[in-house]
Amino acid sequence: MIVATSFLQDHHFIEALYIVAFVLFILGLRGLAGPRTAPFGNRLAAVGMLIAFVATLLIEHVIKSGSDVALMAVGIGIGTAVGIPAARGVKMTAMPQMVALFNGVGGGAVALIAWVEYRRRFPEGGELWNLKAEIPSLFAAIVGSISFWGSNIAFGKLQEILPGRPIQLPGQRVINVLLMTVAAVSAVVLASGVHSQALFILGVLVAAALLGNMVVLPIGGADMPVVISLLNAFTGLSAAATGIALDNTALIVAGTLVGASGSFLTNLMAIAMNRSVPAIIAGGFGGGGTAPAAAADGEDRQVRSTSADDVAIQLSYADRVVVVPGYGMAVAQAQHAVRELMDELEKRGVSVEFAIHPVAGRMPGHMNVLLAEANVPYDHLKEMDEINPEFPQTDVSLVIGANDVTNPDARENEGSPIYGMPILDVDRSEQVIVLKRSMNTGFAGIDNPLFYKENTSLLFGDAKDSVTELVSEVKNLG
């Protein structure tokens, strides 16, 4: 028994467990590359985290501290009791909000760890904590706090608790610089060995908290997918820094993986919108506008309204149909009805594909997740660069709530706020059918000239009801 216990607590055995966990983390991340492999990838990563947790429990000073083990058990119990029901019960339309909250929790945990470690390792009048651990801990406290509070603001905007439009205070950038200066100066003073550490660690956390709020408030709703990805990268970086401070290999590797993947994703999404990350942080793009559309010269423009039976005929006798999903599909929970429509059209020999814009929806991969939930075959999903050259050979493009990512102004109007953003060129299809609830603008708060083009017709109503009616009409055609 003693030999077995000694073996389990052996440093090399613990490191071997960590290596197994890291391999599972990497394989799990690789699995997230596609909807088909994502569930298995999640399970692999979860098993890896369980192994890393067990390895941490086996560390000698941890296992000897019964109170620490008890606290960890309580934390896991509470997290499991809250996390599993929340994840299972959340609606797909609310998934971006949940991602923002879960991401923020990670950043908040890192900030709390920094606070606790300072109180434990650097008591009033005590010895200075070595800079090798102190510097990454201070970095983690600042970045983790920014991530936590910034994620809360992102949640508020997505949940429409806060306005989706950019919210800017007078002298916003000056305030941000001052807050960053306060956080940095407080960190430097702490690192210099001052004994009034409680005041300065609070200065770090409070200034970083205010900065997290101030950075995300001016960011418009249309940039939210990029912001969520960026905050996710921040949480990963802060976790990795905490791992360095605590000499915990699991935190270092897991945090680095999250930080690196989040950074790559943020950059790719910014490129997809033809915007730089600094420009996104500066804010101002998108606002969840709800005003009726009007022409630039102030004159009202007319749209062509259509009916479900007319659209059903167009779709049924087309050779090729491209479905363009957007947030409207998510809100209406229309993905299953869309899958049924695809099945009915394919029975009639119609080729059906889905055009996926990188920032459609409210989070990275939002449309992919929804369509995977409805069991739409992955090979039917086409990325923007792949599908755009094929729109001129498309008989009908069916746009379901995708407003800003189909706006031709991004390509043609140099005065538009979204000019230069790559879009799905649906207007080059032979016919375009747009499913909309009303003529309200999209999340960017700007009008879409696509609606007034001669080859565009609008089918008004709830997206799920409209698609369900289309399915019925297609079936009635025999």
Protein backbone atom coordinates (compact mmCIF):
# COMPACT_ATOMS: atom_id res chain seq x y z
CA MET A 1 0.00 0.00 0.00
CA ILE A 2 2.81 2.36 0.96
CA VAL A 3 4.70 1.45 -2.23
CA ALA A 4 1.62 2.09 -4.36
CA THR A 5 1.04 5.46 -2.69
CA SER A 6 4.68 6.41 -3.15
CA PHE A 7 4.51 5.47 -6.85
CA LEU A 8 1.35 7.53 -7.41
CA GLN A 9 2.96 10.57 -5.81
CA ASP A 10 6.19 10.13 -7.75
CA HIS A 11 7.11 13.30 -9.65
CA HIS A 12 7.75 11.43 -12.91
CA PHE A 13 4.40 9.62 -12.75
CA ILE A 14 2.58 12.91 -12.22
CA GLU A 15 4.42 14.48 -15.15
CA ALA A 16 3.48 11.47 -17.31
CA LEU A 17 -0.19 12.02 -16.43
CA TYR A 18 0.16 15.66 -17.44
CA ILE A 19 1.64 14.64 -20.78
CA VAL A 20 -1.31 12.31 -21.43
CA ALA A 21 -3.66 15.18 -20.56
CA PHE A 22 -1.84 17.53 -22.96
CA VAL A 23 -2.08 15.05 -25.81
CA LEU A 24 -5.83 14.77 -25.20
CA PHE A 25 -6.12 18.58 -25.12
CA ILE A 26 -4.43 18.84 -28.51
CA LEU A 27 -6.46 16.00 -30.04
CA GLY A 28 -9.62 17.54 -28.63
CA LEU A 29 -8.77 20.92 -30.15
CA ARG A 30 -8.07 19.22 -33.46
CA GLY A 31 -11.51 17.58 -33.28
CA LEU A 32 -13.16 20.99 -33.04
CA ALA A 33 -12.16 21.69 -36.64
CA GLY A 34 -15.45 20.26 -37.92
CA PRO A 35 -19.05 19.76 -36.68
CA ARG A 36 -18.84 16.00 -37.15
CA THR A 37 -15.77 15.55 -34.97
CA ALA A 38 -16.47 18.36 -32.48
CA PRO A 39 -18.50 16.30 -29.94
CA PHE A 40 -15.78 13.65 -29.73
CA GLY A 41 -13.13 16.38 -29.52
CA ASN A 42 -14.96 17.92 -26.58
CA ARG A 43 -15.08 14.58 -24.81
CA LEU A 44 -11.37 14.00 -25.35
CA ALA A 45 -10.53 17.41 -23.92
CA ALA A 46 -12.83 16.78 -20.94
CA VAL A 47 -11.08 13.46 -20.20
CA GLY A 48 -7.75 15.28 -20.50
CA MET A 49 -8.87 17.86 -17.95
CA LEU A 50 -10.01 15.11 -15.58
CA ILE A 51 -6.59 13.45 -15.84
CA ALA A 52 -4.85 16.80 -15.24
CA PHE A 53 -7.02 17.37 -12.17
CA VAL A 54 -6.20 13.92 -10.75
CA ALA A 55 -2.50 14.55 -11.39
CA THR A 56 -2.72 17.83 -9.48
CA LEU A 57 -4.36 16.07 -6.53
CA LEU A 58 -1.42 13.64 -6.40
CA ILE A 59 1.12 16.42 -5.83
CA GLU A 60 2.52 15.93 -2.34
CA HIS A 61 1.79 19.33 -0.81
CA VAL A 62 -1.74 19.28 -2.26
CA ILE A 63 -2.72 15.86 -1.03
CA LYS A 64 -1.33 16.63 2.45
CA SER A 65 -3.58 19.65 2.74
CA GLY A 66 -7.00 18.19 3.43
CA SER A 67 -8.66 21.60 3.46
CA ASP A 68 -7.40 22.39 -0.06
CA VAL A 69 -8.68 19.07 -1.40
CA ALA A 70 -12.05 19.66 0.26
CA LEU A 71 -12.32 23.13 -1.28
CA MET A 72 -11.45 21.74 -4.70
CA ALA A 73 -14.13 19.08 -4.30
CA VAL A 74 -16.70 21.72 -3.33
CA GLY A 75 -15.71 23.82 -6.33
CA ILE A 76 -16.07 20.90 -8.71
CA GLY A 77 -19.43 19.99 -7.19
CA ILE A 78 -20.81 23.51 -7.56
CA GLY A 79 -19.41 23.89 -11.07
CA THR A 80 -20.88 20.58 -12.16
CA ALA A 81 -24.27 21.33 -10.60
CA VAL A 82 -24.46 24.70 -12.38
CA GLY A 83 -22.59 23.99 -15.61
CA ILE A 84 -24.26 20.80 -16.87
CA PRO A 85 -27.89 21.99 -16.57
CA ALA A 86 -26.93 25.39 -18.00
CA ALA A 87 -25.16 23.88 -21.01
CA ARG A 88 -27.88 21.30 -21.68
CA GLY A 89 -30.77 23.71 -21.23
CA VAL A 90 -29.46 26.71 -23.17
CA LYS A 91 -31.20 27.48 -26.46
CA MET A 92 -29.05 27.60 -29.57
CA THR A 93 -30.00 31.26 -30.01
CA ALA A 94 -28.47 31.96 -26.59
CA MET A 95 -25.27 29.96 -27.23
CA PRO A 96 -23.15 33.10 -27.90
CA GLN A 97 -24.22 34.54 -24.55
CA MET A 98 -23.33 31.29 -22.79
CA VAL A 99 -19.92 31.22 -24.47
CA ALA A 100 -19.30 34.81 -23.35
CA LEU A 101 -20.29 33.95 -19.76
CA PHE A 102 -18.24 30.75 -19.57
CA ASN A 103 -15.26 32.56 -21.04
CA GLY A 104 -15.65 35.36 -18.52
CA VAL A 105 -15.76 32.89 -15.63
CA GLY A 106 -12.31 31.65 -16.66
CA GLY A 107 -10.88 35.16 -16.62
CA GLY A 108 -12.53 35.90 -13.28
CA ALA A 109 -11.06 32.72 -11.78
CA VAL A 110 -7.58 33.79 -12.86
CA ALA A 111 -8.05 37.25 -11.29
CA LEU A 112 -9.23 35.68 -8.02
CA ILE A 113 -6.25 33.30 -7.99
CA ALA A 114 -3.89 36.29 -8.32
CA TRP A 115 -5.61 37.97 -5.37
CA VAL A 116 -5.47 34.84 -3.18
CA GLU A 117 -1.84 34.11 -4.06
CA TYR A 118 -0.78 37.63 -3.11
CA ARG A 119 -2.49 37.34 0.25
CA ARG A 120 -0.90 33.93 0.82
CA ARG A 121 2.61 34.45 -0.51
CA PHE A 122 3.14 38.14 0.18
CA PRO A 123 1.63 39.01 3.57
CA GLU A 124 2.06 42.45 5.14
CA GLY A 125 5.69 42.86 6.09
CA GLY A 126 6.62 39.48 4.65
CA GLU A 127 9.33 38.47 2.24
CA LEU A 128 9.08 39.60 -1.39
CA TRP A 129 7.70 36.93 -3.67
CA ASN A 130 10.22 36.14 -6.38
CA LEU A 131 9.73 38.10 -9.59
CA LYS A 132 9.72 34.94 -11.70
CA ALA A 133 6.32 34.13 -10.20
CA GLU A 134 5.18 37.67 -9.42
CA ILE A 135 5.37 39.18 -12.91
CA PRO A 136 3.25 36.52 -14.67
CA SER A 137 0.79 36.63 -11.77
CA LEU A 138 0.34 40.38 -12.14
CA PHE A 139 -0.04 39.99 -15.90
CA ALA A 140 -2.68 37.31 -15.32
CA ALA A 141 -4.53 39.52 -12.84
CA ILE A 142 -4.79 42.39 -15.33
CA VAL A 143 -5.68 40.34 -18.40
CA GLY A 144 -8.01 37.98 -16.51
CA SER A 145 -9.92 40.87 -14.97
CA ILE A 146 -10.27 42.58 -18.37
CA SER A 147 -11.55 39.33 -19.84
CA PHE A 148 -14.08 38.76 -17.03
CA TRP A 149 -15.64 42.20 -17.12
CA GLY A 150 -15.40 42.54 -20.89
CA SER A 151 -17.18 39.20 -21.30
CA ASN A 152 -19.97 40.41 -19.02
CA ILE A 153 -20.49 43.45 -21.25
CA ALA A 154 -20.47 41.23 -24.33
CA PHE A 155 -23.10 39.04 -22.66
CA GLY A 156 -25.20 42.10 -21.88
CA LYS A 157 -25.09 43.29 -25.48
CA LEU A 158 -25.90 39.87 -26.91
CA GLN A 159 -28.74 39.34 -24.41
CA GLU A 160 -30.00 42.87 -25.21
CA ILE A 161 -29.74 43.87 -21.56
CA LEU A 162 -27.43 46.59 -22.87
CA PRO A 163 -27.86 48.41 -26.19
CA GLY A 164 -26.10 46.69 -29.08
CA ARG A 165 -24.98 50.06 -30.43
CA PRO A 166 -21.54 51.45 -29.53
CA ILE A 167 -21.58 53.27 -26.18
CA GLN A 168 -18.80 55.82 -25.88
CA LEU A 169 -18.03 58.32 -23.14
CA PRO A 170 -16.43 61.71 -23.80
CA GLY A 171 -12.68 61.23 -23.77
CA GLN A 172 -13.11 57.45 -23.95
CA ARG A 173 -9.59 56.73 -25.19
CA VAL A 174 -8.00 59.01 -22.60
CA ILE A 175 -9.93 57.21 -19.86
CA ASN A 176 -8.76 53.84 -21.21
CA VAL A 177 -5.14 54.97 -21.22
CA LEU A 178 -5.45 56.28 -17.65
CA LEU A 179 -6.97 53.02 -16.44
CA MET A 180 -4.26 50.98 -18.16
CA THR A 181 -1.65 53.27 -16.58
CA VAL A 182 -3.13 52.82 -13.10
CA ALA A 183 -3.12 49.02 -13.51
CA ALA A 184 0.43 48.97 -14.87
CA VAL A 185 1.83 51.38 -12.24
CA SER A 186 0.16 49.41 -9.43
CA ALA A 187 1.75 46.24 -10.82
CA VAL A 188 5.19 47.86 -11.00
CA VAL A 189 4.89 49.15 -7.42
CA LEU A 190 3.94 45.66 -6.25
CA ALA A 191 6.86 44.12 -8.09
CA SER A 192 9.21 46.66 -6.48
CA GLY A 193 8.48 45.20 -3.04
CA VAL A 194 6.16 47.73 -1.39
CA HIS A 195 4.59 46.40 1.82
CA SER A 196 1.14 48.00 1.31
CA GLN A 197 0.37 45.32 -1.22
CA ALA A 198 -3.38 45.07 -0.47
CA LEU A 199 -4.02 48.59 -1.78
CA PHE A 200 -2.03 48.07 -4.97
CA ILE A 201 -3.37 44.61 -5.85
CA LEU A 202 -6.84 46.14 -5.52
CA GLY A 203 -5.64 48.95 -7.78
CA VAL A 204 -4.61 46.36 -10.36
CA LEU A 205 -7.90 44.47 -10.21
CA VAL A 206 -10.25 47.49 -10.06
CA ALA A 207 -8.48 49.42 -12.83
CA ALA A 208 -8.42 46.31 -15.02
CA ALA A 209 -12.12 45.69 -14.27
CA LEU A 210 -13.08 49.22 -15.32
CA LEU A 211 -10.86 48.89 -18.39
CA GLY A 212 -12.61 45.65 -19.39
CA ASN A 213 -15.96 47.45 -19.28
CA MET A 214 -14.67 50.52 -21.09
CA VAL A 215 -13.01 48.53 -23.88
CA VAL A 216 -16.09 46.49 -24.82
CA LEU A 217 -18.84 49.11 -24.34
CA PRO A 218 -17.84 51.11 -27.46
CA ILE A 219 -17.79 47.98 -29.65
CA GLY A 220 -20.83 47.61 -31.87
CA GLY A 221 -22.92 44.47 -32.15
CA ALA A 222 -21.64 43.53 -35.60
CA ASP A 223 -18.16 43.03 -34.15
CA MET A 224 -19.32 40.77 -31.31
CA PRO A 225 -18.13 37.47 -32.87
CA VAL A 226 -14.59 38.87 -33.06
CA VAL A 227 -14.79 40.30 -29.54
CA ILE A 228 -15.86 36.95 -28.07
CA SER A 229 -12.93 35.27 -29.78
CA LEU A 230 -10.51 37.97 -28.59
CA LEU A 231 -11.69 37.73 -24.98
CA ASN A 232 -11.35 33.96 -25.19
CA ALA A 233 -7.71 34.43 -26.21
CA PHE A 234 -7.21 36.83 -23.27
CA THR A 235 -8.55 34.23 -20.84
CA GLY A 236 -6.18 31.61 -22.26
CA LEU A 237 -3.16 33.90 -21.99
CA SER A 238 -4.02 34.82 -18.40
CA ALA A 239 -4.43 31.14 -17.48
CA ALA A 240 -1.03 30.34 -19.02
CA ALA A 241 0.56 33.17 -17.05
CA THR A 242 -1.04 31.87 -13.85
CA GLY A 243 0.40 28.44 -14.64
CA ILE A 244 3.87 29.97 -14.80
CA ALA A 245 3.32 31.75 -11.48
CA LEU A 246 2.07 28.58 -9.77
CA ASP A 247 4.53 26.28 -11.59
CA ASN A 248 1.56 24.25 -12.86
CA THR A 249 2.31 22.63 -16.21
CA ALA A 250 -1.34 21.83 -16.94
CA LEU A 251 -2.38 25.48 -16.72
CA ILE A 252 0.55 26.56 -18.88
CA VAL A 253 -0.23 24.14 -21.71
CA ALA A 254 -4.03 24.46 -21.60
CA GLY A 255 -3.87 28.26 -21.38
CA THR A 256 -1.37 28.47 -24.23
CA LEU A 257 -3.59 26.31 -26.44
CA VAL A 258 -6.64 28.48 -25.74
CA GLY A 259 -4.68 31.71 -26.14
CA ALA A 260 -3.03 30.66 -29.39
CA SER A 261 -6.18 29.23 -31.00
CA GLY A 262 -8.23 32.23 -29.89
CA SER A 263 -5.64 34.63 -31.31
CA PHE A 264 -5.57 32.85 -34.66
CA LEU A 265 -9.36 32.79 -34.82
CA THR A 266 -9.60 36.48 -33.91
CA ASN A 267 -7.17 37.39 -36.67
CA LEU A 268 -8.96 35.23 -39.26
CA MET A 269 -12.34 36.74 -38.38
CA ALA A 270 -10.98 40.27 -38.49
CA ILE A 271 -9.56 39.54 -41.97
CA ALA A 272 -12.95 38.14 -43.00
CA MET A 273 -14.49 41.51 -42.07
CA ASN A 274 -11.62 43.46 -43.62
CA ARG A 275 -11.00 45.11 -40.27
CA SER A 276 -7.99 45.22 -37.98
CA VAL A 277 -8.18 44.12 -34.37
CA PRO A 278 -7.16 47.64 -33.17
CA ALA A 279 -10.01 49.10 -35.26
CA ILE A 280 -12.46 46.69 -33.64
CA ILE A 281 -11.20 47.60 -30.14
CA ALA A 282 -11.58 51.27 -31.07
CA GLY A 283 -15.26 50.47 -31.53
CA GLY A 284 -18.03 52.11 -33.48
CA PHE A 285 -19.12 49.42 -35.96
CA GLY A 286 -22.58 47.95 -35.66
CA GLY A 287 -25.38 48.80 -33.35
CA GLY A 288 -28.45 46.65 -33.63
CA GLY A 289 -30.39 49.33 -35.43
CA THR A 290 -34.14 48.99 -35.79
CA ALA A 291 -35.06 51.91 -37.98
CA PRO A 292 -36.94 51.22 -41.24
CA ALA A 293 -34.75 51.26 -44.31
CA ALA A 294 -34.61 54.38 -46.45
CA ALA A 295 -32.64 55.52 -49.45
CA ALA A 296 -29.56 57.65 -49.02
CA ASP A 297 -31.38 60.60 -50.60
CA GLY A 298 -34.21 60.29 -48.10
CA GLU A 299 -36.75 58.82 -50.51
CA ASP A 300 -38.50 55.58 -49.68
CA ARG A 301 -37.70 52.67 -51.95
CA GLN A 302 -40.03 49.88 -52.89
CA VAL A 303 -39.38 46.19 -52.38
CA ARG A 304 -41.02 43.28 -54.15
CA SER A 305 -43.02 41.14 -51.76
CA THR A 306 -43.69 37.53 -52.69
CA SER A 307 -45.69 34.56 -51.38
CA ALA A 308 -44.75 31.07 -50.21
CA ASP A 309 -46.39 29.33 -53.19
CA ASP A 310 -44.45 31.49 -55.68
CA VAL A 311 -41.18 30.86 -53.87
CA ALA A 312 -41.92 27.12 -53.73
CA ILE A 313 -42.33 27.05 -57.52
CA GLN A 314 -39.04 28.94 -58.02
CA LEU A 315 -37.18 26.58 -55.73
CA SER A 316 -38.74 23.38 -57.06
CA TYR A 317 -37.92 24.10 -60.70
CA ALA A 318 -34.40 25.40 -60.09
CA ASP A 319 -31.32 23.38 -60.89
CA ARG A 320 -29.27 24.92 -58.11
CA VAL A 321 -30.31 26.59 -54.84
CA VAL A 322 -27.95 28.18 -52.32
CA VAL A 323 -29.26 28.77 -48.80
CA VAL A 324 -27.63 31.65 -46.91
CA PRO A 325 -28.31 31.31 -43.16
CA GLY A 326 -27.94 34.14 -40.66
CA TYR A 327 -28.98 35.18 -37.19
CA GLY A 328 -32.63 35.32 -38.28
CA MET A 329 -32.53 31.56 -38.74
CA ALA A 330 -31.08 31.15 -35.26
CA VAL A 331 -33.68 33.38 -33.61
CA ALA A 332 -36.55 31.52 -35.29
CA GLN A 333 -34.97 28.10 -34.62
CA ALA A 334 -35.62 27.35 -38.29
CA GLN A 335 -32.66 25.03 -38.92
CA HIS A 336 -34.70 21.81 -38.75
CA ALA A 337 -37.32 23.21 -41.13
CA VAL A 338 -34.49 24.27 -43.46
CA ARG A 339 -33.11 20.73 -43.40
CA GLU A 340 -36.58 19.40 -44.30
CA LEU A 341 -36.80 21.88 -47.18
CA MET A 342 -33.39 20.73 -48.42
CA ASP A 343 -34.56 17.09 -48.35
CA GLU A 344 -37.73 17.87 -50.33
CA LEU A 345 -35.82 19.85 -52.96
CA GLU A 346 -33.19 17.16 -53.36
CA LYS A 347 -35.97 14.61 -53.97
CA ARG A 348 -36.88 16.75 -56.98
CA GLY A 349 -33.30 16.71 -58.26
CA VAL A 350 -32.41 20.22 -57.07
CA SER A 351 -28.83 20.78 -55.92
CA VAL A 352 -28.88 22.50 -52.51
CA GLU A 353 -25.85 24.05 -50.81
CA PHE A 354 -25.32 26.37 -47.86
CA ALA A 355 -23.18 29.51 -48.05
CA ILE A 356 -21.46 30.21 -44.70
CA HIS A 357 -19.99 33.63 -43.96
CA PRO A 358 -17.25 33.58 -41.28
CA VAL A 359 -19.06 36.09 -39.06
CA ALA A 360 -22.69 35.15 -39.72
CA GLY A 361 -24.56 34.97 -36.42
CA ARG A 362 -23.27 36.08 -33.04
CA MET A 363 -20.24 33.87 -32.48
CA PRO A 364 -17.59 32.04 -34.51
CA GLY A 365 -19.10 29.02 -36.26
CA HIS A 366 -22.65 29.87 -35.15
CA MET A 367 -24.28 28.77 -38.41
CA ASN A 368 -22.17 25.60 -38.61
CA VAL A 369 -23.35 24.59 -35.14
CA LEU A 370 -27.01 25.21 -35.94
CA LEU A 371 -26.91 23.28 -39.21
CA ALA A 372 -24.96 20.43 -37.62
CA GLU A 373 -27.68 20.24 -34.95
CA ALA A 374 -30.19 19.74 -37.79
CA ASN A 375 -27.95 17.03 -39.34
CA VAL A 376 -27.25 18.96 -42.51
CA PRO A 377 -24.40 17.05 -44.24
CA TYR A 378 -21.13 18.88 -43.72
CA ASP A 379 -20.20 18.62 -47.40
CA HIS A 380 -23.24 20.80 -48.19
CA LEU A 381 -21.67 23.71 -46.29
CA LYS A 382 -19.51 25.99 -48.43
CA GLU A 383 -17.22 28.69 -47.10
CA MET A 384 -17.41 32.20 -48.55
CA ASP A 385 -14.34 31.96 -50.79
CA GLU A 386 -15.55 28.65 -52.19
CA ILE A 387 -19.16 29.65 -52.91
CA ASN A 388 -18.76 33.25 -54.15
CA PRO A 389 -17.52 32.33 -57.66
CA GLU A 390 -20.55 30.03 -58.02
CA PHE A 391 -23.32 32.57 -57.35
CA PRO A 392 -23.55 33.67 -61.02
CA GLN A 393 -24.44 30.05 -61.88
CA THR A 394 -27.01 29.85 -59.04
CA ASP A 395 -30.71 29.87 -59.97
CA VAL A 396 -32.04 30.92 -56.55
CA SER A 397 -30.31 32.17 -53.40
CA LEU A 398 -32.49 31.82 -50.31
CA VAL A 399 -31.33 34.32 -47.67
CA ILE A 400 -32.64 33.57 -44.17
CA GLY A 401 -31.94 36.47 -41.84
CA ALA A 402 -28.42 37.15 -43.14
CA ASN A 403 -28.50 40.91 -43.52
CA ASP A 404 -25.10 42.55 -43.15
CA VAL A 405 -23.05 39.70 -44.68
CA THR A 406 -25.01 40.00 -47.97
CA ASN A 407 -24.96 43.80 -48.23
CA PRO A 408 -23.61 44.91 -51.66
CA ASP A 409 -22.61 48.28 -50.17
CA ALA A 410 -19.59 46.51 -48.71
CA ARG A 411 -18.43 45.98 -52.28
CA GLU A 412 -19.78 49.06 -54.06
CA ASN A 413 -20.33 52.01 -51.69
CA GLU A 414 -17.13 53.62 -50.44
CA GLY A 415 -19.12 55.73 -48.00
CA SER A 416 -20.61 52.72 -46.23
CA PRO A 417 -19.33 51.80 -42.73
CA ILE A 418 -18.87 48.22 -43.96
CA TYR A 419 -17.11 49.11 -47.23
CA GLY A 420 -14.35 46.61 -47.94
CA MET A 421 -15.82 43.83 -45.79
CA PRO A 422 -15.93 40.58 -47.78
CA ILE A 423 -19.54 39.50 -48.31
CA LEU A 424 -21.50 36.67 -49.88
CA ASP A 425 -22.25 37.80 -53.45
CA VAL A 426 -25.87 36.62 -53.43
CA ASP A 427 -26.96 39.59 -55.55
CA ARG A 428 -25.18 37.98 -58.51
CA SER A 429 -27.56 35.01 -58.44
CA GLU A 430 -30.31 34.83 -61.05
CA GLN A 431 -32.97 35.23 -58.35
CA VAL A 432 -32.71 36.14 -54.65
CA ILE A 433 -35.40 35.36 -52.07
CA VAL A 434 -34.94 37.06 -48.70
CA LEU A 435 -36.84 35.83 -45.64
CA LYS A 436 -37.35 38.72 -43.22
CA ARG A 437 -39.64 39.49 -40.34
CA SER A 438 -39.68 43.21 -41.18
CA MET A 439 -37.68 45.91 -42.94
CA ASN A 440 -35.61 46.60 -39.82
CA THR A 441 -31.88 46.85 -40.34
CA GLY A 442 -29.41 44.19 -39.26
CA PHE A 443 -26.99 44.23 -36.34
CA ALA A 444 -24.73 46.75 -38.08
CA GLY A 445 -27.65 49.18 -38.15
CA ILE A 446 -27.36 50.03 -41.87
CA ASP A 447 -29.65 49.59 -44.87
CA ASN A 448 -29.15 46.78 -47.40
CA PRO A 449 -29.56 47.72 -51.09
CA LEU A 450 -29.94 44.00 -51.90
CA PHE A 451 -33.60 44.25 -50.92
CA TYR A 452 -34.38 46.73 -53.69
CA LYS A 453 -32.67 45.00 -56.59
CA GLU A 454 -34.79 43.80 -59.51
CA ASN A 455 -33.85 40.16 -58.99
CA THR A 456 -34.75 40.21 -55.27
CA SER A 457 -38.08 39.33 -53.66
CA LEU A 458 -38.91 39.39 -49.95
CA LEU A 459 -41.00 36.81 -48.10
CA PHE A 460 -42.10 38.44 -44.85
CA GLY A 461 -42.79 36.53 -41.64
CA ASP A 462 -41.15 34.41 -38.99
CA ALA A 463 -38.38 32.39 -40.65
CA LYS A 464 -39.46 29.05 -39.21
CA ASP A 465 -43.09 29.58 -40.20
CA SER A 466 -42.07 30.71 -43.68
CA VAL A 467 -39.76 27.74 -44.29
CA THR A 468 -42.35 25.32 -42.91
CA GLU A 469 -44.90 26.76 -45.34
CA LEU A 470 -42.40 26.43 -48.17
CA VAL A 471 -41.93 22.76 -47.33
CA SER A 472 -45.68 22.24 -47.46
CA GLU A 473 -46.00 24.05 -50.80
CA VAL A 474 -43.12 22.09 -52.35
CA LYS A 475 -44.77 18.82 -51.28
CA ASN A 476 -48.08 19.96 -52.79
CA LEU A 477 -46.41 20.43 -56.18
CA GLY A 478 -46.15 16.64 -56.42
